[in-house]
N, C-alpha and C. Protein backbone atom coordinates (compact mmCIF):
# COMPACT_ATOMS: atom_id res chain seq x y z
N MET A 1 -9.29 12.20 11.01
CA MET A 1 -7.99 12.07 10.38
C MET A 1 -8.19 12.02 8.86
N SER A 2 -7.47 12.83 8.13
CA SER A 2 -7.60 12.84 6.67
C SER A 2 -6.88 11.64 6.08
N GLU A 3 -7.21 11.33 4.82
CA GLU A 3 -6.54 10.22 4.13
C GLU A 3 -5.05 10.47 4.02
N LEU A 4 -4.67 11.72 3.79
CA LEU A 4 -3.26 12.04 3.67
C LEU A 4 -2.53 11.75 4.96
N GLN A 5 -3.12 12.11 6.09
CA GLN A 5 -2.50 11.82 7.38
C GLN A 5 -2.41 10.32 7.59
N PHE A 6 -3.42 9.59 7.16
CA PHE A 6 -3.42 8.14 7.30
C PHE A 6 -2.21 7.55 6.60
N PHE A 7 -1.96 7.93 5.35
CA PHE A 7 -0.83 7.39 4.61
C PHE A 7 0.50 7.96 5.10
N ALA A 8 0.50 9.17 5.62
CA ALA A 8 1.75 9.79 6.04
C ALA A 8 2.29 9.19 7.33
N ASP A 9 1.47 8.51 8.08
CA ASP A 9 1.87 7.89 9.33
C ASP A 9 2.85 6.75 9.05
N ASP A 10 4.03 6.80 9.67
CA ASP A 10 5.04 5.77 9.44
C ASP A 10 4.51 4.37 9.69
N ALA A 11 3.70 4.19 10.71
CA ALA A 11 3.16 2.87 11.02
C ALA A 11 2.30 2.35 9.88
N GLU A 12 1.63 3.24 9.17
CA GLU A 12 0.77 2.83 8.07
C GLU A 12 1.57 2.53 6.80
N GLN A 13 2.83 2.92 6.78
CA GLN A 13 3.68 2.62 5.62
C GLN A 13 4.64 1.48 5.92
N SER A 14 4.43 0.77 7.00
CA SER A 14 5.33 -0.31 7.37
C SER A 14 5.35 -1.42 6.32
N TRP A 15 4.32 -1.49 5.49
CA TRP A 15 4.31 -2.48 4.41
C TRP A 15 5.52 -2.32 3.51
N MET A 16 6.04 -1.11 3.39
CA MET A 16 7.19 -0.86 2.52
C MET A 16 8.42 -1.67 2.96
N LEU A 17 8.51 -1.94 4.24
CA LEU A 17 9.65 -2.69 4.77
C LEU A 17 9.59 -4.16 4.36
N ARG A 18 8.43 -4.63 3.92
CA ARG A 18 8.27 -6.03 3.54
C ARG A 18 8.28 -6.24 2.03
N GLY A 19 8.53 -5.17 1.29
CA GLY A 19 8.51 -5.25 -0.17
C GLY A 19 9.66 -6.06 -0.74
N ALA A 20 9.38 -6.79 -1.79
CA ALA A 20 10.42 -7.57 -2.48
C ALA A 20 11.46 -6.64 -3.11
N CYS A 21 11.13 -5.39 -3.28
CA CYS A 21 12.04 -4.42 -3.88
C CYS A 21 13.04 -3.85 -2.88
N ARG A 22 12.81 -4.11 -1.61
CA ARG A 22 13.68 -3.55 -0.58
C ARG A 22 15.12 -4.01 -0.82
N GLY A 23 16.01 -3.06 -0.83
CA GLY A 23 17.42 -3.35 -1.05
C GLY A 23 17.85 -3.27 -2.51
N LYS A 24 16.87 -3.21 -3.42
CA LYS A 24 17.21 -3.06 -4.83
C LYS A 24 17.42 -1.58 -5.15
N ASP A 25 18.20 -1.33 -6.17
CA ASP A 25 18.40 0.03 -6.64
C ASP A 25 17.05 0.60 -7.07
N PRO A 26 16.62 1.73 -6.51
CA PRO A 26 15.32 2.29 -6.88
C PRO A 26 15.19 2.54 -8.39
N GLY A 27 16.30 2.85 -9.05
CA GLY A 27 16.27 3.10 -10.48
C GLY A 27 15.77 1.90 -11.28
N PHE A 28 15.90 0.71 -10.72
CA PHE A 28 15.43 -0.51 -11.36
C PHE A 28 13.93 -0.45 -11.63
N PHE A 29 13.19 0.26 -10.78
CA PHE A 29 11.74 0.34 -10.89
C PHE A 29 11.28 1.58 -11.66
N PHE A 30 12.23 2.27 -12.27
CA PHE A 30 11.93 3.43 -13.12
C PHE A 30 12.61 3.22 -14.47
N PRO A 31 12.22 2.15 -15.16
CA PRO A 31 12.89 1.78 -16.41
C PRO A 31 12.52 2.71 -17.56
N SER A 32 13.40 2.69 -18.57
CA SER A 32 13.16 3.54 -19.74
C SER A 32 12.65 2.75 -20.93
N ASP A 33 12.45 1.44 -20.75
CA ASP A 33 11.96 0.64 -21.87
C ASP A 33 11.08 -0.51 -21.37
N GLY A 34 10.44 -1.17 -22.32
CA GLY A 34 9.53 -2.26 -21.99
C GLY A 34 10.22 -3.44 -21.33
N VAL A 35 11.46 -3.70 -21.70
CA VAL A 35 12.21 -4.81 -21.08
C VAL A 35 12.41 -4.51 -19.60
N GLY A 36 12.75 -3.29 -19.28
CA GLY A 36 12.93 -2.90 -17.89
C GLY A 36 11.65 -3.01 -17.10
N VAL A 37 10.53 -2.67 -17.72
CA VAL A 37 9.23 -2.79 -17.05
C VAL A 37 8.97 -4.25 -16.73
N GLU A 38 9.23 -5.14 -17.67
CA GLU A 38 9.00 -6.57 -17.44
C GLU A 38 9.90 -7.11 -16.33
N LEU A 39 11.13 -6.66 -16.27
CA LEU A 39 12.04 -7.12 -15.20
C LEU A 39 11.53 -6.65 -13.83
N ALA A 40 11.08 -5.41 -13.78
CA ALA A 40 10.54 -4.88 -12.51
C ALA A 40 9.29 -5.65 -12.12
N ARG A 41 8.44 -5.95 -13.08
CA ARG A 41 7.21 -6.71 -12.80
C ARG A 41 7.52 -8.08 -12.23
N GLN A 42 8.61 -8.69 -12.68
CA GLN A 42 8.98 -10.01 -12.16
C GLN A 42 9.27 -9.94 -10.66
N VAL A 43 9.89 -8.87 -10.22
CA VAL A 43 10.14 -8.69 -8.79
C VAL A 43 8.81 -8.49 -8.07
N CYS A 44 7.95 -7.69 -8.64
CA CYS A 44 6.65 -7.40 -8.03
C CYS A 44 5.74 -8.62 -7.97
N ALA A 45 5.87 -9.50 -8.94
CA ALA A 45 4.95 -10.63 -9.06
C ALA A 45 4.88 -11.47 -7.79
N GLY A 46 5.99 -11.68 -7.13
CA GLY A 46 5.99 -12.50 -5.93
C GLY A 46 6.03 -11.70 -4.64
N CYS A 47 5.78 -10.42 -4.74
CA CYS A 47 5.89 -9.55 -3.57
C CYS A 47 4.67 -9.68 -2.65
N PRO A 48 4.92 -9.82 -1.34
CA PRO A 48 3.80 -9.96 -0.41
C PRO A 48 2.98 -8.68 -0.20
N VAL A 49 3.50 -7.55 -0.62
CA VAL A 49 2.78 -6.28 -0.43
C VAL A 49 2.47 -5.59 -1.76
N ARG A 50 2.36 -6.39 -2.80
CA ARG A 50 2.11 -5.84 -4.13
C ARG A 50 0.85 -4.98 -4.18
N LEU A 51 -0.23 -5.45 -3.58
CA LEU A 51 -1.48 -4.69 -3.62
C LEU A 51 -1.40 -3.39 -2.83
N GLU A 52 -0.75 -3.42 -1.68
CA GLU A 52 -0.58 -2.19 -0.89
C GLU A 52 0.23 -1.17 -1.68
N CYS A 53 1.26 -1.64 -2.36
CA CYS A 53 2.12 -0.78 -3.17
C CYS A 53 1.32 -0.14 -4.31
N LEU A 54 0.54 -0.96 -5.00
CA LEU A 54 -0.27 -0.44 -6.10
C LEU A 54 -1.27 0.59 -5.60
N GLU A 55 -1.95 0.30 -4.50
CA GLU A 55 -2.94 1.25 -3.97
C GLU A 55 -2.27 2.56 -3.53
N TYR A 56 -1.08 2.47 -2.98
CA TYR A 56 -0.32 3.66 -2.59
C TYR A 56 -0.07 4.54 -3.82
N ALA A 57 0.41 3.91 -4.89
CA ALA A 57 0.70 4.66 -6.12
C ALA A 57 -0.56 5.26 -6.72
N LEU A 58 -1.67 4.53 -6.66
CA LEU A 58 -2.93 5.05 -7.18
C LEU A 58 -3.43 6.21 -6.33
N HIS A 59 -3.35 6.05 -5.02
CA HIS A 59 -3.82 7.08 -4.11
C HIS A 59 -3.07 8.40 -4.32
N TYR A 60 -1.75 8.30 -4.46
CA TYR A 60 -0.93 9.50 -4.61
C TYR A 60 -0.71 9.91 -6.06
N ARG A 61 -1.36 9.19 -6.98
CA ARG A 61 -1.24 9.50 -8.42
C ARG A 61 0.23 9.57 -8.83
N ILE A 62 1.01 8.59 -8.41
CA ILE A 62 2.42 8.53 -8.78
C ILE A 62 2.50 8.24 -10.27
N GLU A 63 3.14 9.11 -10.99
CA GLU A 63 3.12 9.04 -12.45
C GLU A 63 4.22 8.20 -13.06
N HIS A 64 5.30 7.97 -12.35
CA HIS A 64 6.45 7.30 -12.96
C HIS A 64 6.80 6.02 -12.23
N GLY A 65 7.36 5.08 -12.99
CA GLY A 65 7.86 3.86 -12.41
C GLY A 65 6.85 2.73 -12.36
N VAL A 66 7.34 1.60 -11.90
CA VAL A 66 6.51 0.41 -11.71
C VAL A 66 6.20 0.30 -10.23
N TRP A 67 4.94 0.29 -9.90
CA TRP A 67 4.47 0.20 -8.51
C TRP A 67 3.44 -0.91 -8.44
N GLY A 68 3.63 -1.83 -7.55
CA GLY A 68 2.67 -2.93 -7.41
C GLY A 68 2.53 -3.74 -8.68
N GLY A 69 3.58 -3.77 -9.48
CA GLY A 69 3.55 -4.53 -10.73
C GLY A 69 2.88 -3.82 -11.88
N ALA A 70 2.47 -2.58 -11.69
CA ALA A 70 1.76 -1.83 -12.75
C ALA A 70 2.62 -0.68 -13.27
N SER A 71 2.64 -0.56 -14.58
CA SER A 71 3.35 0.55 -15.22
C SER A 71 2.52 1.82 -15.10
N GLU A 72 3.11 2.92 -15.56
CA GLU A 72 2.39 4.20 -15.54
C GLU A 72 1.09 4.10 -16.34
N ARG A 73 1.17 3.52 -17.51
CA ARG A 73 0.01 3.39 -18.39
C ARG A 73 -1.07 2.54 -17.72
N GLU A 74 -0.67 1.44 -17.11
CA GLU A 74 -1.64 0.57 -16.45
C GLU A 74 -2.32 1.26 -15.28
N ARG A 75 -1.56 2.05 -14.53
CA ARG A 75 -2.18 2.77 -13.41
C ARG A 75 -3.15 3.82 -13.89
N ARG A 76 -2.82 4.50 -14.97
CA ARG A 76 -3.77 5.47 -15.54
C ARG A 76 -5.06 4.77 -15.96
N ARG A 77 -4.92 3.60 -16.57
CA ARG A 77 -6.10 2.84 -17.00
C ARG A 77 -6.94 2.43 -15.79
N ILE A 78 -6.31 1.97 -14.73
CA ILE A 78 -7.04 1.58 -13.51
C ILE A 78 -7.81 2.77 -12.96
N LEU A 79 -7.16 3.93 -12.90
CA LEU A 79 -7.82 5.12 -12.37
C LEU A 79 -9.01 5.53 -13.24
N ARG A 80 -8.85 5.45 -14.57
CA ARG A 80 -9.97 5.77 -15.47
C ARG A 80 -11.13 4.81 -15.25
N GLN A 81 -10.82 3.53 -15.12
CA GLN A 81 -11.86 2.53 -14.91
C GLN A 81 -12.58 2.77 -13.59
N ARG A 82 -11.83 3.13 -12.56
CA ARG A 82 -12.45 3.39 -11.25
C ARG A 82 -13.34 4.62 -11.32
N ARG A 83 -12.88 5.66 -12.00
CA ARG A 83 -13.71 6.86 -12.13
C ARG A 83 -14.99 6.54 -12.89
N ALA A 84 -14.86 5.78 -13.97
CA ALA A 84 -16.03 5.42 -14.77
C ALA A 84 -17.02 4.58 -13.97
N ALA A 85 -16.50 3.77 -13.06
CA ALA A 85 -17.36 2.92 -12.24
C ALA A 85 -17.87 3.66 -11.00
N GLY A 86 -17.40 4.89 -10.80
CA GLY A 86 -17.83 5.67 -9.65
C GLY A 86 -17.15 5.28 -8.37
N LEU A 87 -16.02 4.59 -8.47
CA LEU A 87 -15.27 4.20 -7.28
C LEU A 87 -14.32 5.32 -6.89
N THR A 88 -14.25 5.63 -5.62
CA THR A 88 -13.41 6.72 -5.16
C THR A 88 -12.29 6.24 -4.26
N GLY A 89 -12.07 4.96 -4.12
CA GLY A 89 -11.07 4.42 -3.21
C GLY A 89 -9.64 4.78 -3.54
N ALA A 90 -9.39 5.34 -4.69
CA ALA A 90 -8.02 5.69 -5.07
C ALA A 90 -7.72 7.15 -4.80
N GLY A 91 -8.40 7.75 -3.89
CA GLY A 91 -8.06 9.11 -3.51
C GLY A 91 -9.08 10.05 -3.91
């Protein structure tokens, strides 16, 4: 089974149903300014699936929005650090 099939399986994405963001307007997590990013991070901070969400965004190289409490810039930095360290867990 490929990694893509693993993530595409609905059962493997069940963590999304437990997210603190569930029921919020999705646009809330795609802010246009730093204040919006901070507000989205506050929701993510207490989320029980924050790490799963972040890994999902890293795996799929999602470029926009706040995922797992990380902005676009922070996710790019994480990916660069992982590449430099020779880690391949992000896809």
